[in-house]
Amino acid sequence: TAASCARGAMADLSGRLTGFHKGIDSSVARRSREDAAVQLRKARVVERMNKRRAAAVDPAAAGTAEAAASAAEDATFTSGMLTPRAGMSATEQHTVVTQCVAGLRSGDDRHALAGVVNLRRLLSIEVHPPIDMVISAGAMSFLIAMLKRVDHPKLQFEATWCLTNIASGTAAHTELVITSGAPELLVQMLGSREVNVREQAVWALGNIAGDSPKTRDFVMSIGGMLPILNLLRPELSPSQSMLRNVAWCISNFCRGKPRPHLDTLQPCLASLTYIIGSMSDTEVLTDACWALSYLSDGGNERVQAVLERGLLPRIIELLSHPKTSVRTPALRCIGNVITGDDDQTEAAVAAGCLPKLLHLVEDMTRPSICKEAMWAISNIAAGTPEQVGQLITKGFFPVVIEACATARAEVRKEAAWTISNAVTGGTADQLRQLIAQGIVSAIGSLLAYADTRVAKIALETLENLLRRVSELDTTGESDAALRDVIDEAGIVEMLADLGNSGDETIHNRCMRILTDFFPDELEDEDDDEFPGAAGMPYGAPGGYGGPHGPGGPGAGGNPFGSAGAGAANPFASMGHKGFGSS
């Protein structure tokens, strides 16, 4: 019966040359992001940089009367000095640095302030700021000394801004900021009475933490994390720019491998719960969702920590956010939850993720998001039979089947895994429904696609499908009907062609499928048709991806006209409940 169907999981394709294995835990079939090699190529753009350089004008005040007043004040301080600007020559930059360091050395606060303001302007140049020139001129020791000037918040602020931009440079620049003793002073400045000093200290520490896991752990080890999180307290009335900086800093605390221990990140999780649940600013949500995606990646206990915070409904809601920058990390969070155990996957399904995921995979105009969504769907397909049934009922497989034929390579591969996992874990009735909806056609599309990895997934799926139907069919009718569908789709001829591949794994699997399930077809072949692993390469005439006979995949058109649901499909008239629907 359907309830007693044995379930299995896909093991490593290169090492598995035996038939369907019963009793393997479904969690084995789920693939973590590393195993699936899922990388959003544009993620760096979406999540911005790990480290950020502060602009010459405070972004929070840009275009305001406050900005104009600040600029006028700076002009007063720096009167008589060469003003930094984009496109300056190295000689001009050197002149500015010399003037600035002279001011820092003067011992006069007014001259020192003029020097540090102009130095900040120079280090805020967007392209190739002269960080090394500033360091070589000996400015670092004076900047560190200014961090201690509690009596002069303007000097503290400007010096912190300079160090923020120095730390935004290379790893060597960040290391110099650390060895200078700045981080410990910056942590103290998080308790400053001056809001702008606190915020700039957050920014500087965020740049240090964002450089590498080592520097991240260092900032956390000196007690930098909790004071930053405390700046979110409502009684402090944090500004929008403060909220953005804190959210971004949290993302750097959660980012990087090896991950910090989950217990260490629990305070971050509490802050993320507050941010994601109560805020609507796009930048804040973007960084908070990236932080949550990092935090939830790495094991079921991390997924469970997110679930226990009650964040799942809000993250699913954000899958429909108008900005891609928010949808992308929200999708990663959901994907991480789905890679958990069956109960965790079910929590995502019960919370309503399926309609959102279906919408994302239907939009092929954003391949990176479509790929990530398809990866999540493939892991749902690796779950319980009930979860496979949900995918069938909600109409996922027509979209998946179409993706196998027309999507980009990265999406097509994830679609292949979706079908593979559903075949492995579905019940007898679910297999019949999948065959009626056209998964044989999808397998044919995958075999005709000139990609060795996809071909291996498709062959594994085909063999599992044949073996499972044979094992579950008590009358032999379904088994015979399936073989007819496969033969009419031209897949037997494709197997013969693929057998000429130079890939030994593909050759052996094709031979085994033909030997075990289509022995009559194999007897009709000439012995030279299967020369072994040294045969014709993919794409050669008559080989992988080449033309096939009538009904088989050729250069165009739908080669599987008789394999889909309908009167021509032998499965369409078998009378099983739900057959041919959704």
Protein backbone atom coordinates (compact mmCIF):
# COMPACT_ATOMS: atom_id res chain seq x y z
CA THR A 1 0.00 0.00 0.00
CA ALA A 2 0.97 3.67 -0.28
CA ALA A 3 1.54 3.92 3.47
CA SER A 4 4.01 1.07 3.47
CA CYS A 5 6.10 2.26 0.55
CA ALA A 6 9.77 2.11 1.36
CA ARG A 7 11.55 5.42 1.05
CA GLY A 8 15.10 6.04 0.03
CA ALA A 9 17.51 8.81 -0.65
CA MET A 10 19.89 9.71 -3.40
CA ALA A 11 23.45 8.85 -2.45
CA ASP A 12 26.58 10.04 -4.21
CA LEU A 13 26.10 9.45 -7.92
CA SER A 14 29.70 8.57 -8.62
CA GLY A 15 29.82 5.91 -5.94
CA ARG A 16 26.40 4.35 -6.23
CA LEU A 17 26.01 1.75 -8.99
CA THR A 18 23.46 -0.49 -7.32
CA GLY A 19 19.69 -0.42 -7.38
CA PHE A 20 17.20 1.38 -5.18
CA HIS A 21 18.04 1.21 -1.46
CA LYS A 22 15.18 0.97 0.99
CA GLY A 23 15.10 2.49 4.42
CA ILE A 24 17.58 5.35 4.01
CA ASP A 25 16.60 8.35 6.14
CA SER A 26 15.02 11.13 4.10
CA SER A 27 17.40 13.70 5.58
CA VAL A 28 20.22 12.12 3.57
CA ALA A 29 18.50 13.23 0.38
CA ARG A 30 18.42 16.86 1.41
CA ARG A 31 21.39 18.82 0.18
CA SER A 32 22.98 21.67 2.03
CA ARG A 33 23.93 24.73 0.02
CA GLU A 34 27.55 23.55 -0.25
CA ASP A 35 26.54 20.09 -1.44
CA ALA A 36 24.18 21.59 -3.99
CA ALA A 37 26.81 24.11 -5.06
CA VAL A 38 24.12 26.77 -4.89
CA GLN A 39 25.69 30.21 -5.00
CA LEU A 40 23.88 33.40 -5.88
CA ARG A 41 26.38 34.96 -8.26
CA LYS A 42 25.04 38.44 -7.59
CA ALA A 43 24.93 38.02 -3.83
CA ARG A 44 27.79 40.44 -3.32
CA VAL A 45 25.73 43.17 -4.94
CA VAL A 46 22.60 42.29 -3.00
CA GLU A 47 24.16 42.01 0.44
CA ARG A 48 26.59 44.84 -0.31
CA MET A 49 30.15 44.72 0.96
CA ASN A 50 31.37 43.09 4.15
CA LYS A 51 33.17 46.37 4.78
CA ARG A 52 31.95 49.84 3.87
CA ARG A 53 33.76 53.12 3.50
CA ALA A 54 32.05 56.14 5.02
CA ALA A 55 31.26 58.84 2.47
CA ALA A 56 32.64 62.36 2.72
CA VAL A 57 29.23 63.53 3.95
CA ASP A 58 27.19 61.62 6.50
CA PRO A 59 24.56 59.75 4.38
CA ALA A 60 21.96 60.26 7.08
CA ALA A 61 22.31 64.02 6.79
CA ALA A 62 22.96 64.36 3.06
CA GLY A 63 20.95 67.14 1.43
CA THR A 64 19.79 68.55 4.77
CA ALA A 65 20.42 71.81 6.56
CA GLU A 66 22.51 69.81 9.02
CA ALA A 67 24.77 68.67 6.20
CA ALA A 68 25.16 72.20 4.89
CA ALA A 69 26.04 73.48 8.35
CA SER A 70 28.54 70.68 8.86
CA ALA A 71 30.17 71.39 5.50
CA ALA A 72 30.41 75.08 6.34
CA GLU A 73 31.97 74.24 9.69
CA ASP A 74 34.49 71.93 8.02
CA ALA A 75 35.38 74.68 5.55
CA THR A 76 36.09 77.01 8.46
CA PHE A 77 38.36 74.44 10.10
CA THR A 78 40.30 73.73 6.91
CA SER A 79 40.62 77.27 5.58
CA GLY A 80 43.92 77.68 3.78
CA MET A 81 44.41 73.92 3.22
CA LEU A 82 44.18 72.13 -0.13
CA THR A 83 40.71 70.54 -0.35
CA PRO A 84 40.65 66.81 -1.22
CA ARG A 85 38.63 65.85 -4.28
CA ALA A 86 38.18 62.92 -6.66
CA GLY A 87 40.76 62.74 -9.42
CA MET A 88 43.58 64.40 -7.48
CA SER A 89 47.09 63.59 -8.60
CA ALA A 90 49.40 61.67 -6.28
CA THR A 91 51.40 64.87 -5.76
CA GLU A 92 48.30 66.76 -4.69
CA GLN A 93 47.26 63.93 -2.38
CA HIS A 94 50.73 63.96 -0.83
CA THR A 95 50.42 67.70 -0.22
CA VAL A 96 47.08 67.18 1.55
CA VAL A 97 48.50 64.40 3.72
CA THR A 98 51.51 66.50 4.65
CA GLN A 99 49.30 69.42 5.67
CA CYS A 100 46.98 67.14 7.64
CA VAL A 101 49.75 65.40 9.57
CA ALA A 102 51.32 68.77 10.37
CA GLY A 103 48.00 69.76 11.91
CA LEU A 104 47.84 66.51 13.88
CA ARG A 105 51.36 67.10 15.21
CA SER A 106 50.77 70.74 16.14
CA GLY A 107 49.46 70.16 19.65
CA ASP A 108 46.75 72.74 18.93
CA ASP A 109 43.23 71.28 18.90
CA ARG A 110 42.05 73.70 16.23
CA HIS A 111 44.88 72.78 13.85
CA ALA A 112 44.48 69.11 14.76
CA LEU A 113 40.77 69.26 13.96
CA ALA A 114 41.49 70.91 10.60
CA GLY A 115 44.00 68.15 9.83
CA VAL A 116 41.72 65.26 10.78
CA VAL A 117 38.72 66.73 8.90
CA ASN A 118 40.74 67.03 5.69
CA LEU A 119 42.22 63.58 6.27
CA ARG A 120 38.71 62.19 6.57
CA ARG A 121 37.76 63.87 3.30
CA LEU A 122 40.78 62.35 1.58
CA LEU A 123 40.08 58.85 2.91
CA SER A 124 36.45 59.16 1.77
CA ILE A 125 37.37 59.42 -1.91
CA GLU A 126 35.37 56.66 -3.56
CA VAL A 127 38.05 55.26 -5.88
CA HIS A 128 41.50 54.32 -4.57
CA PRO A 129 41.69 56.41 -1.39
CA PRO A 130 45.37 56.87 -0.46
CA ILE A 131 45.27 54.73 2.68
CA ASP A 132 48.90 53.63 2.42
CA MET A 133 50.04 57.22 1.97
CA VAL A 134 48.22 58.26 5.14
CA ILE A 135 49.69 55.35 7.10
CA SER A 136 53.23 56.01 5.83
CA ALA A 137 52.97 59.64 6.88
CA GLY A 138 52.59 58.52 10.51
CA ALA A 139 48.96 59.54 11.03
CA MET A 140 47.84 56.38 12.84
CA SER A 141 49.28 57.17 16.27
CA PHE A 142 47.61 60.60 16.28
CA LEU A 143 44.26 59.13 15.23
CA ILE A 144 44.44 56.59 18.05
CA ALA A 145 45.25 59.32 20.54
CA MET A 146 42.19 61.28 19.38
CA LEU A 147 39.93 58.32 20.20
CA LYS A 148 40.74 59.01 23.86
CA ARG A 149 39.64 62.64 23.73
CA VAL A 150 36.38 62.25 25.59
CA ASP A 151 36.58 65.98 26.23
CA HIS A 152 36.50 66.70 22.48
CA PRO A 153 33.77 64.60 20.79
CA LYS A 154 34.36 66.27 17.41
CA LEU A 155 37.96 65.05 17.37
CA GLN A 156 36.81 61.58 18.48
CA PHE A 157 34.20 61.47 15.74
CA GLU A 158 36.51 62.58 12.92
CA ALA A 159 39.32 60.25 14.01
CA THR A 160 36.88 57.34 14.18
CA TRP A 161 35.64 58.19 10.70
CA CYS A 162 39.24 58.08 9.41
CA LEU A 163 39.87 54.71 11.06
CA THR A 164 36.56 53.41 9.68
CA ASN A 165 37.79 54.08 6.17
CA ILE A 166 41.27 52.71 6.82
CA ALA A 167 39.68 49.49 8.12
CA SER A 168 37.58 49.33 4.92
CA GLY A 169 40.74 48.71 2.92
CA THR A 170 42.74 45.51 2.62
CA ALA A 171 43.16 42.82 5.27
CA ALA A 172 46.57 44.34 6.07
CA HIS A 173 44.95 47.72 6.70
CA THR A 174 42.40 46.13 9.02
CA GLU A 175 45.14 44.28 10.86
CA LEU A 176 47.01 47.55 11.39
CA VAL A 177 43.91 49.13 12.90
CA ILE A 178 43.64 46.14 15.27
CA THR A 179 47.29 46.14 16.34
CA SER A 180 47.16 49.88 16.95
CA GLY A 181 44.77 49.27 19.83
CA ALA A 182 41.81 51.02 18.21
CA PRO A 183 39.14 48.28 18.69
CA GLU A 184 39.25 48.37 22.49
CA LEU A 185 38.88 52.16 22.44
CA LEU A 186 36.04 51.91 19.93
CA VAL A 187 34.17 49.53 22.23
CA GLN A 188 34.47 52.09 25.03
CA MET A 189 33.13 54.79 22.68
CA LEU A 190 29.92 52.79 22.21
CA GLY A 191 28.93 54.25 25.57
CA SER A 192 29.59 57.85 24.52
CA ARG A 193 26.99 60.52 25.23
CA GLU A 194 27.35 61.67 21.63
CA VAL A 195 25.10 59.80 19.20
CA ASN A 196 27.35 60.40 16.18
CA VAL A 197 30.38 59.11 18.07
CA ARG A 198 28.51 55.93 19.03
CA GLU A 199 27.31 55.38 15.50
CA GLN A 200 30.72 55.89 13.95
CA ALA A 201 32.23 53.45 16.44
CA VAL A 202 29.64 50.86 15.34
CA TRP A 203 30.63 51.44 11.73
CA ALA A 204 34.35 51.07 12.46
CA LEU A 205 33.87 47.88 14.48
CA GLY A 206 31.61 46.52 11.73
CA ASN A 207 34.38 47.01 9.18
CA ILE A 208 36.85 45.22 11.42
CA ALA A 209 34.45 42.33 12.08
CA GLY A 210 33.65 42.10 8.37
CA ASP A 211 37.22 41.48 7.29
CA SER A 212 37.47 37.79 8.23
CA PRO A 213 36.24 35.21 10.75
CA LYS A 214 39.42 35.87 12.75
CA THR A 215 38.78 39.61 13.07
CA ARG A 216 35.08 38.95 13.68
CA ASP A 217 35.92 36.68 16.59
CA PHE A 218 38.39 39.26 17.89
CA VAL A 219 35.77 42.01 18.04
CA MET A 220 33.42 39.65 19.84
CA SER A 221 36.18 38.55 22.24
CA ILE A 222 36.82 42.12 23.42
CA GLY A 223 33.13 42.60 24.21
CA GLY A 224 32.12 44.50 21.11
CA MET A 225 28.91 42.66 20.28
CA LEU A 226 26.60 43.29 23.24
CA PRO A 227 27.13 47.08 23.47
CA ILE A 228 26.31 47.32 19.76
CA LEU A 229 23.11 45.31 20.22
CA ASN A 230 22.17 47.49 23.19
CA LEU A 231 22.08 50.52 20.90
CA LEU A 232 18.79 49.14 19.53
CA ARG A 233 17.03 49.87 22.83
CA PRO A 234 13.86 51.88 22.13
CA GLU A 235 14.61 54.33 24.93
CA LEU A 236 17.69 55.45 22.96
CA SER A 237 15.45 56.34 19.99
CA PRO A 238 17.99 55.05 17.46
CA SER A 239 18.02 56.90 14.16
CA GLN A 240 17.48 55.18 10.84
CA SER A 241 21.20 55.35 10.07
CA MET A 242 22.02 53.82 13.48
CA LEU A 243 19.53 51.00 12.86
CA ARG A 244 21.10 50.36 9.46
CA ASN A 245 24.62 50.28 10.87
CA VAL A 246 23.67 47.97 13.74
CA ALA A 247 21.81 45.56 11.42
CA TRP A 248 24.78 45.49 9.05
CA CYS A 249 27.18 44.95 11.95
CA ILE A 250 25.06 42.03 13.21
CA SER A 251 25.28 40.48 9.74
CA ASN A 252 29.08 40.63 9.99
CA PHE A 253 28.97 38.95 13.40
CA CYS A 254 26.94 36.09 11.89
CA ARG A 255 28.88 35.87 8.62
CA GLY A 256 31.87 33.70 7.76
CA LYS A 257 33.02 30.15 8.38
CA PRO A 258 33.67 28.63 10.77
CA ARG A 259 30.51 30.12 12.23
CA PRO A 260 30.53 31.43 15.80
CA HIS A 261 28.96 29.02 18.28
CA LEU A 262 25.19 29.26 18.35
CA ASP A 263 25.19 30.17 22.05
CA THR A 264 27.43 33.13 21.25
CA LEU A 265 24.97 34.36 18.63
CA GLN A 266 21.82 34.02 20.74
CA PRO A 267 21.88 37.75 21.62
CA CYS A 268 22.11 38.53 17.89
CA LEU A 269 19.13 36.27 17.26
CA ALA A 270 17.11 38.15 19.85
CA SER A 271 17.98 41.46 18.18
CA LEU A 272 17.17 40.08 14.74
CA THR A 273 13.77 38.94 16.01
CA TYR A 274 13.07 42.52 17.08
CA ILE A 275 14.39 44.07 13.85
CA ILE A 276 12.68 41.74 11.39
CA GLY A 277 9.43 41.68 13.31
CA SER A 278 9.02 45.42 13.81
CA MET A 279 10.90 47.32 11.10
CA SER A 280 10.19 48.08 7.47
CA ASP A 281 13.27 49.95 6.21
CA THR A 282 14.62 48.07 3.20
CA GLU A 283 18.30 48.36 4.12
CA VAL A 284 17.66 47.26 7.69
CA LEU A 285 15.60 44.27 6.54
CA THR A 286 18.19 43.34 3.92
CA ASP A 287 21.05 43.11 6.39
CA ALA A 288 18.91 41.51 9.09
CA CYS A 289 17.73 38.80 6.69
CA TRP A 290 21.28 38.13 5.51
CA ALA A 291 22.33 37.83 9.16
CA LEU A 292 19.51 35.35 9.80
CA SER A 293 20.47 33.36 6.71
CA TYR A 294 24.04 33.03 8.00
CA LEU A 295 22.88 32.18 11.49
CA SER A 296 20.47 29.46 10.32
CA ASP A 297 23.02 27.80 8.03
CA GLY A 298 24.95 24.91 9.51
CA GLY A 299 22.80 22.37 11.31
CA ASN A 300 19.36 21.49 12.58
CA GLU A 301 20.02 23.11 15.95
CA ARG A 302 20.49 26.47 14.21
CA VAL A 303 17.30 26.00 12.25
CA GLN A 304 15.48 25.12 15.46
CA ALA A 305 16.75 28.28 17.15
CA VAL A 306 15.15 30.35 14.38
CA LEU A 307 11.89 28.40 14.56
CA GLU A 308 11.67 28.85 18.33
CA ARG A 309 11.84 32.62 17.87
CA GLY A 310 8.64 32.49 15.82
CA LEU A 311 10.28 34.22 12.85
CA LEU A 312 9.09 31.86 10.14
CA PRO A 313 5.79 33.58 9.19
CA ARG A 314 7.51 36.96 8.86
CA ILE A 315 10.36 35.53 6.74
CA ILE A 316 7.83 33.84 4.45
CA GLU A 317 5.98 37.13 4.19
CA LEU A 318 9.23 38.80 3.07
CA LEU A 319 9.46 36.40 0.12
CA SER A 320 6.95 38.77 -1.49
CA HIS A 321 8.82 41.95 -0.58
CA PRO A 322 8.98 44.37 -3.55
CA LYS A 323 12.78 44.58 -3.31
CA THR A 324 14.96 41.72 -4.55
CA SER A 325 17.56 42.71 -1.96
CA VAL A 326 15.13 41.56 0.76
CA ARG A 327 13.59 38.59 -1.05
CA THR A 328 16.99 37.00 -1.74
CA PRO A 329 18.20 36.58 1.87
CA ALA A 330 14.66 35.73 3.02
CA LEU A 331 14.67 32.91 0.48
CA ARG A 332 17.99 31.68 1.81
CA CYS A 333 16.55 31.59 5.32
CA ILE A 334 13.61 29.49 4.15
CA GLY A 335 15.96 27.25 2.20
CA ASN A 336 18.02 26.65 5.34
CA VAL A 337 14.91 25.73 7.32
CA ILE A 338 13.84 23.29 4.63
CA THR A 339 17.22 21.50 4.78
CA GLY A 340 16.45 20.58 8.38
CA ASP A 341 14.71 17.44 9.55
CA ASP A 342 11.22 16.42 8.43
CA ASP A 343 9.53 18.33 11.25
CA GLN A 344 11.44 21.52 10.44
CA THR A 345 10.61 21.18 6.76
CA GLU A 346 6.98 20.63 7.67
CA ALA A 347 7.05 23.80 9.78
CA ALA A 348 8.01 25.79 6.67
CA VAL A 349 5.31 24.07 4.59
CA ALA A 350 2.66 24.57 7.28
CA ALA A 351 3.61 28.25 7.59
CA GLY A 352 2.71 28.77 3.94
CA CYS A 353 6.01 28.78 2.05
CA LEU A 354 4.78 26.72 -0.93
CA PRO A 355 2.70 29.38 -2.76
CA LYS A 356 5.58 31.85 -2.36
CA LEU A 357 8.13 29.34 -3.68
CA LEU A 358 5.90 28.45 -6.62
CA HIS A 359 5.67 32.11 -7.59
CA LEU A 360 9.46 32.47 -7.41
CA VAL A 361 10.19 29.44 -9.62
CA GLU A 362 7.59 30.50 -12.15
CA ASP A 363 9.54 33.72 -12.74
CA MET A 364 12.43 32.63 -14.94
CA THR A 365 13.58 36.22 -15.47
CA ARG A 366 15.62 36.09 -12.27
CA PRO A 367 17.69 32.90 -12.65
CA SER A 368 19.62 33.27 -9.40
CA ILE A 369 16.46 33.52 -7.29
CA CYS A 370 14.73 30.86 -9.39
CA LYS A 371 17.66 28.51 -8.79
CA GLU A 372 17.60 29.09 -5.04
CA ALA A 373 13.84 28.54 -4.93
CA MET A 374 14.16 25.36 -6.99
CA TRP A 375 16.87 24.14 -4.62
CA ALA A 376 14.49 24.64 -1.72
CA ILE A 377 11.75 22.77 -3.58
CA SER A 378 14.12 19.88 -4.31
CA ASN A 379 14.71 19.53 -0.58
CA ILE A 380 10.98 19.49 0.13
CA ALA A 381 10.74 16.72 -2.46
CA ALA A 382 13.33 14.84 -0.40
CA GLY A 383 11.00 14.87 2.60
CA THR A 384 8.04 12.78 3.60
CA PRO A 385 5.51 11.34 1.14
CA GLU A 386 3.05 13.88 2.50
CA GLN A 387 5.42 16.70 1.53
CA VAL A 388 5.88 15.23 -1.95
CA GLY A 389 2.09 15.09 -2.18
CA GLN A 390 1.86 18.78 -1.31
CA LEU A 391 4.17 19.63 -4.21
CA ILE A 392 1.98 17.60 -6.55
CA THR A 393 -1.26 19.09 -5.25
CA LYS A 394 0.02 22.67 -5.39
CA GLY A 395 0.99 22.32 -9.05
CA PHE A 396 4.77 22.41 -8.80
CA PHE A 397 5.65 19.62 -11.20
CA PRO A 398 4.43 21.16 -14.46
CA VAL A 399 6.74 24.07 -13.69
CA VAL A 400 9.59 21.73 -12.72
CA ILE A 401 9.10 19.66 -15.88
CA GLU A 402 9.16 22.80 -18.01
CA ALA A 403 12.35 23.91 -16.26
CA CYS A 404 14.00 20.60 -17.15
CA ALA A 405 13.45 21.43 -20.82
CA THR A 406 13.92 25.18 -21.07
CA ALA A 407 15.56 26.71 -17.98
CA ARG A 408 19.14 27.84 -17.61
CA ALA A 409 21.69 25.24 -16.62
CA GLU A 410 21.76 26.09 -12.91
CA VAL A 411 17.96 26.01 -12.61
CA ARG A 412 17.69 22.89 -14.77
CA LYS A 413 20.03 21.01 -12.45
CA GLU A 414 17.94 21.84 -9.39
CA ALA A 415 14.79 20.83 -11.27
CA ALA A 416 16.48 17.51 -12.03
CA TRP A 417 17.12 16.98 -8.33
CA THR A 418 13.50 17.82 -7.55
CA ILE A 419 12.22 15.06 -9.83
CA SER A 420 14.91 12.68 -8.62
CA ASN A 421 13.98 13.15 -4.97
CA ALA A 422 10.25 12.88 -5.65
CA VAL A 423 10.79 9.61 -7.50
CA THR A 424 12.89 8.29 -4.63
CA GLY A 425 10.46 9.16 -1.86
CA GLY A 426 7.02 9.19 -3.49
CA THR A 427 4.31 6.62 -2.93
CA ALA A 428 3.01 4.33 -5.66
CA ASP A 429 0.08 6.63 -6.37
CA GLN A 430 2.35 9.68 -6.39
CA LEU A 431 4.64 8.00 -8.92
CA ARG A 432 1.65 7.36 -11.17
CA GLN A 433 0.63 10.99 -10.92
CA LEU A 434 4.14 12.16 -11.69
CA ILE A 435 4.36 9.91 -14.73
CA ALA A 436 0.99 11.17 -15.92
CA GLN A 437 2.17 14.76 -15.56
CA GLY A 438 5.18 14.07 -17.76
CA ILE A 439 8.27 13.34 -15.71
CA VAL A 440 9.42 10.85 -18.33
CA SER A 441 9.46 13.73 -20.79
CA ALA A 442 11.50 15.71 -18.28
CA ILE A 443 14.00 12.87 -17.92
CA GLY A 444 14.32 12.79 -21.71
CA SER A 445 14.96 16.54 -21.77
CA LEU A 446 17.67 16.14 -19.16
CA LEU A 447 19.33 13.28 -21.02
CA ALA A 448 19.35 15.34 -24.21
CA TYR A 449 21.02 18.25 -22.41
CA ALA A 450 24.78 18.25 -22.91
CA ASP A 451 25.83 18.31 -19.27
CA THR A 452 27.46 15.31 -17.63
CA ARG A 453 26.23 16.16 -14.13
CA VAL A 454 22.64 16.55 -15.27
CA ALA A 455 22.86 13.33 -17.30
CA LYS A 456 23.96 11.40 -14.23
CA ILE A 457 21.06 12.75 -12.18
CA ALA A 458 18.64 11.88 -14.98
CA LEU A 459 19.97 8.34 -15.35
CA GLU A 460 19.81 7.78 -11.61
CA THR A 461 16.23 9.04 -11.63
CA LEU A 462 15.25 6.85 -14.57
CA GLU A 463 16.69 3.73 -12.97
CA ASN A 464 15.06 4.47 -9.61
CA LEU A 465 11.73 5.10 -11.33
CA LEU A 466 11.88 1.80 -13.18
CA ARG A 467 12.93 -0.14 -10.09
CA ARG A 468 10.38 1.48 -7.79
CA VAL A 469 7.47 0.93 -10.18
CA SER A 470 8.60 -2.66 -10.70
CA GLU A 471 8.79 -3.26 -6.92
CA LEU A 472 5.48 -1.56 -6.12
CA ASP A 473 3.47 -2.96 -9.02
CA THR A 474 1.71 -6.15 -7.99
CA THR A 475 0.04 -6.76 -11.34
CA GLY A 476 2.80 -5.82 -13.75
CA GLU A 477 0.51 -3.46 -15.65
CA SER A 478 2.10 -0.24 -14.39
CA ASP A 479 5.57 -1.61 -15.00
CA ALA A 480 4.76 -2.48 -18.61
CA ALA A 481 2.99 0.82 -19.18
CA LEU A 482 5.97 2.79 -17.88
CA ARG A 483 8.35 0.96 -20.20
CA ASP A 484 6.05 1.77 -23.11
CA VAL A 485 6.07 5.46 -22.18
CA ILE A 486 9.87 5.44 -21.94
CA ASP A 487 10.22 3.65 -25.27
CA GLU A 488 7.76 5.96 -27.05
CA ALA A 489 9.68 8.97 -25.71
CA GLY A 490 12.79 7.74 -27.52
CA ILE A 491 14.70 7.30 -24.29
CA VAL A 492 15.83 3.77 -25.12
CA GLU A 493 17.59 5.11 -28.21
CA MET A 494 19.06 7.89 -26.10
CA LEU A 495 20.46 5.33 -23.68
CA ALA A 496 22.15 3.57 -26.56
CA ASP A 497 23.71 6.84 -27.67
CA LEU A 498 24.74 7.78 -24.15
CA GLY A 499 26.39 4.40 -23.81
CA ASN A 500 28.99 5.67 -26.25
CA SER A 501 29.98 8.36 -23.80
CA GLY A 502 33.54 8.54 -22.60
CA ASP A 503 32.22 8.70 -19.03
CA GLU A 504 32.45 5.26 -17.46
CA THR A 505 29.74 5.93 -14.87
CA ILE A 506 27.26 6.98 -17.54
CA HIS A 507 28.22 4.04 -19.76
CA ASN A 508 27.77 1.52 -16.94
CA ARG A 509 24.43 2.94 -15.84
CA CYS A 510 23.06 2.98 -19.38
CA MET A 511 24.13 -0.62 -19.85
CA ARG A 512 22.52 -1.67 -16.59
CA ILE A 513 19.20 0.05 -17.38
CA LEU A 514 19.09 -1.52 -20.81
CA THR A 515 20.12 -4.93 -19.50
CA ASP A 516 17.69 -4.96 -16.57
CA PHE A 517 14.65 -3.32 -18.15
CA PHE A 518 14.98 -3.39 -21.95
CA PRO A 519 16.89 -6.59 -22.73
CA ASP A 520 15.08 -7.09 -26.03
CA GLU A 521 16.24 -3.68 -27.23
CA LEU A 522 19.79 -4.45 -26.19
CA GLU A 523 19.79 -7.72 -28.13
CA ASP A 524 18.89 -5.80 -31.28
CA GLU A 525 21.90 -3.53 -30.97
CA ASP A 526 25.11 -4.29 -32.77
CA ASP A 527 27.98 -5.06 -30.40
CA ASP A 528 29.91 -2.08 -31.76
CA GLU A 529 27.17 0.29 -30.55
CA PHE A 530 28.58 0.05 -27.03
CA PRO A 531 32.35 0.27 -27.34
CA GLY A 532 32.83 1.08 -23.67
CA ALA A 533 34.24 4.04 -21.82
CA ALA A 534 36.45 5.06 -24.72
CA GLY A 535 33.48 5.70 -27.01
CA MET A 536 32.31 8.82 -28.76
CA PRO A 537 32.25 12.05 -26.76
CA TYR A 538 29.18 14.12 -26.00
CA GLY A 539 27.88 16.11 -28.89
CA ALA A 540 29.48 13.96 -31.59
CA PRO A 541 27.22 12.95 -34.50
CA GLY A 542 24.94 10.19 -33.27
CA GLY A 543 26.31 10.59 -29.75
CA TYR A 544 25.20 12.53 -26.71
CA GLY A 545 22.95 15.38 -27.75
CA GLY A 546 22.85 14.23 -31.37
CA PRO A 547 19.82 13.42 -33.50
CA HIS A 548 17.54 10.49 -32.76
CA GLY A 549 15.00 8.55 -34.69
CA PRO A 550 11.27 9.32 -34.97
CA GLY A 551 9.74 10.16 -31.63
CA GLY A 552 13.15 10.77 -30.04
CA PRO A 553 14.73 14.08 -29.20
CA GLY A 554 16.01 15.93 -32.22
CA ALA A 555 17.01 19.45 -33.02
CA GLY A 556 13.61 20.97 -32.21
CA GLY A 557 10.01 20.42 -31.20
CA ASN A 558 8.67 18.30 -28.37
CA PRO A 559 10.14 14.80 -28.71
CA PHE A 560 7.86 13.37 -26.05
CA GLY A 561 4.40 13.98 -27.47
CA SER A 562 3.11 10.64 -26.26
CA ALA A 563 4.64 10.75 -22.80
CA GLY A 564 2.46 13.38 -21.12
CA ALA A 565 -0.96 13.05 -19.56
CA GLY A 566 -3.88 12.38 -21.90
CA ALA A 567 -5.34 9.62 -23.99
CA ALA A 568 -1.98 8.75 -25.55
CA ASN A 569 -0.45 8.13 -22.15
CA PRO A 570 -0.85 4.50 -21.04
CA PHE A 571 -1.07 5.72 -17.44
CA ALA A 572 -3.89 8.18 -18.10
CA SER A 573 -6.59 5.49 -18.18
CA MET A 574 -5.48 3.48 -15.15
CA GLY A 575 -8.16 5.00 -12.89
CA HIS A 576 -6.01 5.89 -9.88
CA LYS A 577 -7.31 8.55 -7.50
CA GLY A 578 -6.00 11.97 -8.39
CA PHE A 579 -4.33 10.67 -11.53
CA GLY A 580 -3.68 13.35 -14.09
CA SER A 581 -4.74 16.19 -11.78
CA SER A 582 -2.66 19.19 -10.71
